[in-house]
Amino acid sequence: MPRYFITFAFNGKNYVGWQVQPNGTSVQQVLQDALSTILRGRVEIVGAGRTDAGVHARRMVAHFDWEGDIFQPRDLVYKLNNFLPKDISVTAVQRVIPGAHARFSAISRTYTYYITTVKDPFLHELTYRIHFEPDMGRMNQMCAVLMEYTDFTSFSKLHTDVKTNICRIDDARWDRKEDEYIFTIRADRFLRNMVRAITGTLLEAGRGRLDERGLRRIIEAKNRGVAGDSVPGHALFLEEVTYPADIWL
């Protein structure tokens, strides 16, 4: 059966996360319903990964199978964007090789977290305000430590159904833009709550409460209880999901 990748963005404020859940509206459910209505048949989609409640995505990818006639990709994008609510937008629908998988074929994922030190009525829903000036140099030193490790159990939500907590981080850094501090992290995969837990822990370093030795103890403990608090989800963005070039048709 032909397989398609759909690329889209969403503001997660009004959703319980990506995955279909019984306790509220998910992005997956809304997108599935839109595709099913437009294609006039039941469509199920599989995402590149889960996002928590309130988390946003600038470029999320999912796949779906469809054997019947399909609109030209550009027409389907247009119809979907007319049908979907204003907080979800589709940018592309592309045919891929058989066996390509939105989750398992991805080679990397990039997240960013946005922090501000000022009160801004236009950004408060998309940034996390803190009440201290973090030491960005110290936080970047901690990022270098993170990339030495692969087991991130200490930053994972408890009682998940994953088989391994091994992740390979190939980029982690803090940048500053005026009053905004931006944390960027890229890895082959992420655990549930991992980015938010790492961000909260690095902020502890940024306010002088955690040094390199302490961070190593946290990681090597493989215990979520010893790491810092998770920061709120509303300032977290999935920026990019990357795939091998040879999966596209």
C-alpha atoms as a PDB file:
ATOM      1  CA  MET A   1       0.000   0.000   0.000  1.00  0.00           C
ATOM      2  CA  PRO A   2       1.410   3.437  -0.881  1.00  0.00           C
ATOM      3  CA  ARG A   3       2.790   5.364   2.077  1.00  0.00           C
ATOM      4  CA  TYR A   4       2.896   9.115   2.509  1.00  0.00           C
ATOM      5  CA  PHE A   5       4.722  11.409   4.913  1.00  0.00           C
ATOM      6  CA  ILE A   6       2.843  14.483   6.040  1.00  0.00           C
ATOM      7  CA  THR A   7       4.776  17.438   7.452  1.00  0.00           C
ATOM      8  CA  PHE A   8       2.968  19.929   9.659  1.00  0.00           C
ATOM      9  CA  ALA A   9       3.255  22.435  12.496  1.00  0.00           C
ATOM     10  CA  PHE A  10       1.057  23.033  15.502  1.00  0.00           C
ATOM     11  CA  ASN A  11       0.558  25.206  18.539  1.00  0.00           C
ATOM     12  CA  GLY A  12       0.068  22.730  21.383  1.00  0.00           C
ATOM     13  CA  LYS A  13      -1.764  25.046  23.783  1.00  0.00           C
ATOM     14  CA  ASN A  14      -5.190  23.462  23.239  1.00  0.00           C
ATOM     15  CA  TYR A  15      -4.062  19.827  23.034  1.00  0.00           C
ATOM     16  CA  VAL A  16      -3.236  17.029  25.470  1.00  0.00           C
ATOM     17  CA  GLY A  17      -0.206  16.231  23.329  1.00  0.00           C
ATOM     18  CA  TRP A  18       0.385  14.417  20.072  1.00  0.00           C
ATOM     19  CA  GLN A  19      -0.983  10.984  20.901  1.00  0.00           C
ATOM     20  CA  VAL A  20      -4.683  10.106  21.044  1.00  0.00           C
ATOM     21  CA  GLN A  21      -5.825  10.038  24.672  1.00  0.00           C
ATOM     22  CA  PRO A  22      -9.183   9.569  26.391  1.00  0.00           C
ATOM     23  CA  ASN A  23      -8.897  12.706  28.507  1.00  0.00           C
ATOM     24  CA  GLY A  24      -8.868  15.387  25.820  1.00  0.00           C
ATOM     25  CA  THR A  25      -8.197  16.417  22.234  1.00  0.00           C
ATOM     26  CA  SER A  26      -4.891  15.382  20.674  1.00  0.00           C
ATOM     27  CA  VAL A  27      -3.141  16.630  17.550  1.00  0.00           C
ATOM     28  CA  GLN A  28      -3.107  13.083  16.155  1.00  0.00           C
ATOM     29  CA  GLN A  29      -6.880  12.762  16.452  1.00  0.00           C
ATOM     30  CA  VAL A  30      -7.580  16.102  14.776  1.00  0.00           C
ATOM     31  CA  LEU A  31      -5.240  15.352  11.873  1.00  0.00           C
ATOM     32  CA  GLN A  32      -6.576  11.822  11.435  1.00  0.00           C
ATOM     33  CA  ASP A  33     -10.148  13.087  11.328  1.00  0.00           C
ATOM     34  CA  ALA A  34      -9.261  15.750   8.759  1.00  0.00           C
ATOM     35  CA  LEU A  35      -7.513  13.249   6.460  1.00  0.00           C
ATOM     36  CA  SER A  36     -10.328  10.726   6.830  1.00  0.00           C
ATOM     37  CA  THR A  37     -12.941  13.322   5.920  1.00  0.00           C
ATOM     38  CA  ILE A  38     -11.101  14.676   2.884  1.00  0.00           C
ATOM     39  CA  LEU A  39     -10.060  11.264   1.526  1.00  0.00           C
ATOM     40  CA  ARG A  40     -13.477   9.762   2.375  1.00  0.00           C
ATOM     41  CA  GLY A  41     -12.083   6.740   4.149  1.00  0.00           C
ATOM     42  CA  ARG A  42     -10.606   5.840   7.497  1.00  0.00           C
ATOM     43  CA  VAL A  43      -7.014   7.022   7.778  1.00  0.00           C
ATOM     44  CA  GLU A  44      -4.668   6.256  10.680  1.00  0.00           C
ATOM     45  CA  ILE A  45      -1.474   8.231  11.106  1.00  0.00           C
ATOM     46  CA  VAL A  46       1.749   7.412  12.958  1.00  0.00           C
ATOM     47  CA  GLY A  47       3.855  10.283  14.272  1.00  0.00           C
ATOM     48  CA  ALA A  48       7.601  10.738  14.529  1.00  0.00           C
ATOM     49  CA  GLY A  49       7.217  10.727  18.301  1.00  0.00           C
ATOM     50  CA  ARG A  50       5.133  11.930  21.209  1.00  0.00           C
ATOM     51  CA  THR A  51       4.903  15.460  22.488  1.00  0.00           C
ATOM     52  CA  ASP A  52       3.552  16.333  25.921  1.00  0.00           C
ATOM     53  CA  ALA A  53       0.540  18.513  26.610  1.00  0.00           C
ATOM     54  CA  GLY A  54       1.113  22.111  25.593  1.00  0.00           C
ATOM     55  CA  VAL A  55       4.299  21.417  23.606  1.00  0.00           C
ATOM     56  CA  HIS A  56       4.527  22.911  20.105  1.00  0.00           C
ATOM     57  CA  ALA A  57       6.052  21.764  16.821  1.00  0.00           C
ATOM     58  CA  ARG A  58       7.425  23.805  13.951  1.00  0.00           C
ATOM     59  CA  ARG A  59       8.090  20.688  11.875  1.00  0.00           C
ATOM     60  CA  MET A  60       6.446  17.434  12.910  1.00  0.00           C
ATOM     61  CA  VAL A  61       6.182  14.426  10.590  1.00  0.00           C
ATOM     62  CA  ALA A  62       3.703  11.542  10.475  1.00  0.00           C
ATOM     63  CA  HIS A  63       2.948   8.814   7.962  1.00  0.00           C
ATOM     64  CA  PHE A  64      -0.241   7.284   6.628  1.00  0.00           C
ATOM     65  CA  ASP A  65      -1.096   4.576   4.097  1.00  0.00           C
ATOM     66  CA  TRP A  66      -3.623   5.125   1.348  1.00  0.00           C
ATOM     67  CA  GLU A  67      -4.405   2.783  -1.513  1.00  0.00           C
ATOM     68  CA  GLY A  68      -7.176   4.726  -3.225  1.00  0.00           C
ATOM     69  CA  ASP A  69      -7.022   7.821  -5.358  1.00  0.00           C
ATOM     70  CA  ILE A  70      -5.350  10.764  -3.669  1.00  0.00           C
ATOM     71  CA  PHE A  71      -5.324  14.434  -4.493  1.00  0.00           C
ATOM     72  CA  GLN A  72      -2.213  15.980  -5.929  1.00  0.00           C
ATOM     73  CA  PRO A  73      -0.014  16.653  -2.867  1.00  0.00           C
ATOM     74  CA  ARG A  74      -0.339  20.420  -3.278  1.00  0.00           C
ATOM     75  CA  ASP A  75      -4.132  20.156  -3.507  1.00  0.00           C
ATOM     76  CA  LEU A  76      -4.292  17.905  -0.451  1.00  0.00           C
ATOM     77  CA  VAL A  77      -2.191  20.373   1.537  1.00  0.00           C
ATOM     78  CA  TYR A  78      -4.553  23.174   0.499  1.00  0.00           C
ATOM     79  CA  LYS A  79      -7.673  21.199   1.430  1.00  0.00           C
ATOM     80  CA  LEU A  80      -6.230  20.125   4.775  1.00  0.00           C
ATOM     81  CA  ASN A  81      -5.286  23.667   5.721  1.00  0.00           C
ATOM     82  CA  ASN A  82      -8.807  24.848   4.917  1.00  0.00           C
ATOM     83  CA  PHE A  83     -10.263  22.064   7.052  1.00  0.00           C
ATOM     84  CA  LEU A  84      -7.920  22.050  10.039  1.00  0.00           C
ATOM     85  CA  PRO A  85      -8.208  24.480  12.975  1.00  0.00           C
ATOM     86  CA  LYS A  86      -5.999  27.557  12.947  1.00  0.00           C
ATOM     87  CA  ASP A  87      -3.471  26.038  15.371  1.00  0.00           C
ATOM     88  CA  ILE A  88      -2.446  23.215  12.987  1.00  0.00           C
ATOM     89  CA  SER A  89      -0.968  23.794   9.528  1.00  0.00           C
ATOM     90  CA  VAL A  90       0.264  21.296   6.926  1.00  0.00           C
ATOM     91  CA  THR A  91       3.288  22.172   4.797  1.00  0.00           C
ATOM     92  CA  ALA A  92       3.820  19.031   2.683  1.00  0.00           C
ATOM     93  CA  VAL A  93       2.466  15.588   1.750  1.00  0.00           C
ATOM     94  CA  GLN A  94       5.081  13.376   0.072  1.00  0.00           C
ATOM     95  CA  ARG A  95       5.179   9.784  -1.154  1.00  0.00           C
ATOM     96  CA  VAL A  96       7.922   7.677   0.427  1.00  0.00           C
ATOM     97  CA  ILE A  97       9.440   4.266  -0.199  1.00  0.00           C
ATOM     98  CA  PRO A  98       7.690   1.175   1.184  1.00  0.00           C
ATOM     99  CA  GLY A  99       8.711   0.540   4.764  1.00  0.00           C
ATOM    100  CA  ALA A 100       9.646   4.144   5.527  1.00  0.00           C
ATOM    101  CA  HIS A 101       8.417   4.949   9.031  1.00  0.00           C
ATOM    102  CA  ALA A 102       7.859   8.394  10.526  1.00  0.00           C
ATOM    103  CA  ARG A 103       9.219   7.283  13.886  1.00  0.00           C
ATOM    104  CA  PHE A 104      11.752   4.547  13.220  1.00  0.00           C
ATOM    105  CA  SER A 105      13.267   5.978  10.024  1.00  0.00           C
ATOM    106  CA  ALA A 106      14.101   9.323  11.662  1.00  0.00           C
ATOM    107  CA  ILE A 107      17.820   9.849  12.220  1.00  0.00           C
ATOM    108  CA  SER A 108      17.568  12.900  14.476  1.00  0.00           C
ATOM    109  CA  ARG A 109      15.156  15.218  16.255  1.00  0.00           C
ATOM    110  CA  THR A 110      15.825  18.793  17.350  1.00  0.00           C
ATOM    111  CA  TYR A 111      14.068  20.643  20.170  1.00  0.00           C
ATOM    112  CA  THR A 112      14.370  24.202  21.417  1.00  0.00           C
ATOM    113  CA  TYR A 113      13.279  25.685  24.739  1.00  0.00           C
ATOM    114  CA  TYR A 114      12.677  29.417  25.124  1.00  0.00           C
ATOM    115  CA  ILE A 115      13.335  31.260  28.377  1.00  0.00           C
ATOM    116  CA  THR A 116      12.982  34.952  29.140  1.00  0.00           C
ATOM    117  CA  THR A 117      13.909  37.162  32.070  1.00  0.00           C
ATOM    118  CA  VAL A 118      11.376  39.899  31.284  1.00  0.00           C
ATOM    119  CA  LYS A 119       7.614  40.147  31.458  1.00  0.00           C
ATOM    120  CA  ASP A 120       6.218  40.271  27.932  1.00  0.00           C
ATOM    121  CA  PRO A 121       2.448  40.103  27.376  1.00  0.00           C
ATOM    122  CA  PHE A 122       2.959  38.992  23.773  1.00  0.00           C
ATOM    123  CA  LEU A 123       5.330  36.116  24.496  1.00  0.00           C
ATOM    124  CA  HIS A 124       4.226  34.736  27.854  1.00  0.00           C
ATOM    125  CA  GLU A 125       2.385  31.817  26.252  1.00  0.00           C
ATOM    126  CA  LEU A 126       5.471  30.713  24.297  1.00  0.00           C
ATOM    127  CA  THR A 127       8.331  31.396  26.708  1.00  0.00           C
ATOM    128  CA  TYR A 128       9.141  30.454  30.295  1.00  0.00           C
ATOM    129  CA  ARG A 129       9.929  33.438  32.490  1.00  0.00           C
ATOM    130  CA  ILE A 130      12.598  33.084  35.156  1.00  0.00           C
ATOM    131  CA  HIS A 131      13.526  35.616  37.822  1.00  0.00           C
ATOM    132  CA  PHE A 132      17.305  35.434  37.693  1.00  0.00           C
ATOM    133  CA  GLU A 133      20.064  35.959  35.129  1.00  0.00           C
ATOM    134  CA  PRO A 134      21.440  32.477  34.351  1.00  0.00           C
ATOM    135  CA  ASP A 135      25.140  31.861  33.819  1.00  0.00           C
ATOM    136  CA  MET A 136      25.087  30.772  30.178  1.00  0.00           C
ATOM    137  CA  GLY A 137      28.777  29.872  30.179  1.00  0.00           C
ATOM    138  CA  ARG A 138      28.256  27.419  33.021  1.00  0.00           C
ATOM    139  CA  MET A 139      25.170  25.941  31.343  1.00  0.00           C
ATOM    140  CA  ASN A 140      27.102  25.391  28.118  1.00  0.00           C
ATOM    141  CA  GLN A 141      29.822  23.630  30.103  1.00  0.00           C
ATOM    142  CA  MET A 142      27.125  21.287  31.405  1.00  0.00           C
ATOM    143  CA  CYS A 143      25.933  20.697  27.833  1.00  0.00           C
ATOM    144  CA  ALA A 144      29.384  19.360  26.955  1.00  0.00           C
ATOM    145  CA  VAL A 145      29.089  16.938  29.873  1.00  0.00           C
ATOM    146  CA  LEU A 146      25.682  15.726  28.660  1.00  0.00           C
ATOM    147  CA  MET A 147      27.131  14.709  25.306  1.00  0.00           C
ATOM    148  CA  GLU A 148      29.597  12.353  27.008  1.00  0.00           C
ATOM    149  CA  TYR A 149      26.737  10.091  28.149  1.00  0.00           C
ATOM    150  CA  THR A 150      24.113   7.918  26.472  1.00  0.00           C
ATOM    151  CA  ASP A 151      21.936   6.614  29.343  1.00  0.00           C
ATOM    152  CA  PHE A 152      19.450   9.325  30.332  1.00  0.00           C
ATOM    153  CA  THR A 153      17.257   7.404  32.779  1.00  0.00           C
ATOM    154  CA  SER A 154      17.624  10.261  35.265  1.00  0.00           C
ATOM    155  CA  PHE A 155      15.769  12.565  32.859  1.00  0.00           C
ATOM    156  CA  SER A 156      13.011  10.179  31.793  1.00  0.00           C
ATOM    157  CA  LYS A 157       9.424  10.096  32.934  1.00  0.00           C
ATOM    158  CA  LEU A 158       8.858   7.077  35.152  1.00  0.00           C
ATOM    159  CA  HIS A 159       6.967   3.929  34.098  1.00  0.00           C
ATOM    160  CA  THR A 160       7.147   4.446  30.339  1.00  0.00           C
ATOM    161  CA  ASP A 161       6.897   1.593  27.851  1.00  0.00           C
ATOM    162  CA  VAL A 162      10.267   2.147  26.110  1.00  0.00           C
ATOM    163  CA  LYS A 163      12.740  -0.724  25.964  1.00  0.00           C
ATOM    164  CA  THR A 164      15.868   1.376  26.401  1.00  0.00           C
ATOM    165  CA  ASN A 165      16.842   4.759  27.844  1.00  0.00           C
ATOM    166  CA  ILE A 166      19.872   5.055  25.561  1.00  0.00           C
ATOM    167  CA  CYS A 167      19.983   8.254  23.472  1.00  0.00           C
ATOM    168  CA  ARG A 168      22.827   9.820  21.533  1.00  0.00           C
ATOM    169  CA  ILE A 169      22.970  13.596  21.848  1.00  0.00           C
ATOM    170  CA  ASP A 170      25.055  15.206  19.110  1.00  0.00           C
ATOM    171  CA  ASP A 171      24.284  18.862  19.852  1.00  0.00           C
ATOM    172  CA  ALA A 172      23.297  20.736  23.005  1.00  0.00           C
ATOM    173  CA  ARG A 173      23.853  24.445  23.535  1.00  0.00           C
ATOM    174  CA  TRP A 174      22.501  27.679  24.984  1.00  0.00           C
ATOM    175  CA  ASP A 175      22.300  30.889  22.949  1.00  0.00           C
ATOM    176  CA  ARG A 176      21.250  34.328  24.048  1.00  0.00           C
ATOM    177  CA  LYS A 177      19.189  36.851  22.088  1.00  0.00           C
ATOM    178  CA  GLU A 178      18.667  40.028  24.107  1.00  0.00           C
ATOM    179  CA  ASP A 179      16.541  39.002  27.108  1.00  0.00           C
ATOM    180  CA  GLU A 180      15.864  35.517  25.746  1.00  0.00           C
ATOM    181  CA  TYR A 181      17.832  32.340  26.469  1.00  0.00           C
ATOM    182  CA  ILE A 182      17.371  29.549  23.937  1.00  0.00           C
ATOM    183  CA  PHE A 183      18.323  25.940  24.632  1.00  0.00           C
ATOM    184  CA  THR A 184      18.774  23.727  21.555  1.00  0.00           C
ATOM    185  CA  ILE A 185      19.275  19.977  21.750  1.00  0.00           C
ATOM    186  CA  ARG A 186      19.511  17.363  18.984  1.00  0.00           C
ATOM    187  CA  ALA A 187      19.615  13.579  19.403  1.00  0.00           C
ATOM    188  CA  ASP A 188      18.710  10.388  17.606  1.00  0.00           C
ATOM    189  CA  ARG A 189      15.769   9.941  20.001  1.00  0.00           C
ATOM    190  CA  PHE A 190      14.339  11.408  23.196  1.00  0.00           C
ATOM    191  CA  LEU A 191      12.682   9.896  26.237  1.00  0.00           C
ATOM    192  CA  ARG A 192       9.383  11.102  27.660  1.00  0.00           C
ATOM    193  CA  ASN A 193       9.919  14.412  29.474  1.00  0.00           C
ATOM    194  CA  MET A 194      13.665  14.265  28.745  1.00  0.00           C
ATOM    195  CA  VAL A 195      14.151  17.747  27.272  1.00  0.00           C
ATOM    196  CA  ARG A 196      12.111  19.460  29.966  1.00  0.00           C
ATOM    197  CA  ALA A 197      13.964  17.610  32.747  1.00  0.00           C
ATOM    198  CA  ILE A 198      17.375  18.395  31.250  1.00  0.00           C
ATOM    199  CA  THR A 199      16.425  22.055  30.827  1.00  0.00           C
ATOM    200  CA  GLY A 200      15.315  22.329  34.451  1.00  0.00           C
ATOM    201  CA  THR A 201      18.527  20.691  35.622  1.00  0.00           C
ATOM    202  CA  LEU A 202      20.720  22.974  33.497  1.00  0.00           C
ATOM    203  CA  LEU A 203      18.937  25.989  34.937  1.00  0.00           C
ATOM    204  CA  GLU A 204      20.053  24.807  38.373  1.00  0.00           C
ATOM    205  CA  ALA A 205      23.605  25.059  37.060  1.00  0.00           C
ATOM    206  CA  GLY A 206      22.804  28.454  35.603  1.00  0.00           C
ATOM    207  CA  ARG A 207      21.876  29.805  39.005  1.00  0.00           C
ATOM    208  CA  GLY A 208      24.985  28.369  40.654  1.00  0.00           C
ATOM    209  CA  ARG A 209      23.398  25.389  42.417  1.00  0.00           C
ATOM    210  CA  LEU A 210      24.942  22.612  40.318  1.00  0.00           C
ATOM    211  CA  ASP A 211      28.496  21.979  39.154  1.00  0.00           C
ATOM    212  CA  GLU A 212      29.981  19.456  36.731  1.00  0.00           C
ATOM    213  CA  ARG A 213      30.556  16.849  39.410  1.00  0.00           C
ATOM    214  CA  GLY A 214      26.957  17.178  40.548  1.00  0.00           C
ATOM    215  CA  LEU A 215      25.628  16.758  37.013  1.00  0.00           C
ATOM    216  CA  ARG A 216      27.703  13.629  36.515  1.00  0.00           C
ATOM    217  CA  ARG A 217      26.317  12.199  39.763  1.00  0.00           C
ATOM    218  CA  ILE A 218      22.777  12.888  38.554  1.00  0.00           C
ATOM    219  CA  ILE A 219      23.298  11.175  35.199  1.00  0.00           C
ATOM    220  CA  GLU A 220      25.163   8.196  36.639  1.00  0.00           C
ATOM    221  CA  ALA A 221      22.534   7.659  39.357  1.00  0.00           C
ATOM    222  CA  LYS A 222      19.970   6.663  36.674  1.00  0.00           C
ATOM    223  CA  ASN A 223      17.282   7.956  39.018  1.00  0.00           C
ATOM    224  CA  ARG A 224      14.725  10.593  37.998  1.00  0.00           C
ATOM    225  CA  GLY A 225      14.358  11.653  41.614  1.00  0.00           C
ATOM    226  CA  VAL A 226      17.836  13.202  41.789  1.00  0.00           C
ATOM    227  CA  ALA A 227      17.551  15.474  38.731  1.00  0.00           C
ATOM    228  CA  GLY A 228      16.039  18.945  38.635  1.00  0.00           C
ATOM    229  CA  ASP A 229      12.369  19.779  38.184  1.00  0.00           C
ATOM    230  CA  SER A 230      10.899  19.698  34.693  1.00  0.00           C
ATOM    231  CA  VAL A 231      10.227  23.085  33.167  1.00  0.00           C
ATOM    232  CA  PRO A 232       6.715  23.792  31.798  1.00  0.00           C
ATOM    233  CA  GLY A 233       5.807  22.447  28.375  1.00  0.00           C
ATOM    234  CA  HIS A 234       4.455  25.669  26.843  1.00  0.00           C
ATOM    235  CA  ALA A 235       7.937  26.978  25.921  1.00  0.00           C
ATOM    236  CA  LEU A 236       9.161  23.778  24.236  1.00  0.00           C
ATOM    237  CA  PHE A 237       9.208  23.386  20.442  1.00  0.00           C
ATOM    238  CA  LEU A 238       9.974  20.400  18.259  1.00  0.00           C
ATOM    239  CA  GLU A 239      11.955  22.181  15.573  1.00  0.00           C
ATOM    240  CA  GLU A 240      12.964  19.468  13.139  1.00  0.00           C
ATOM    241  CA  VAL A 241      12.798  15.756  12.364  1.00  0.00           C
ATOM    242  CA  THR A 242      15.481  14.551   9.948  1.00  0.00           C
ATOM    243  CA  TYR A 243      15.324  11.528   7.636  1.00  0.00           C
ATOM    244  CA  PRO A 244      17.692   9.833   5.164  1.00  0.00           C
ATOM    245  CA  ALA A 245      17.490  11.450   1.737  1.00  0.00           C
ATOM    246  CA  ASP A 246      16.757   8.152  -0.026  1.00  0.00           C
ATOM    247  CA  ILE A 247      13.313   7.542   1.522  1.00  0.00           C
ATOM    248  CA  TRP A 248      11.552  10.172  -0.602  1.00  0.00           C
ATOM    249  CA  LEU A 249       9.951   9.286  -3.927  1.00  0.00           C
END
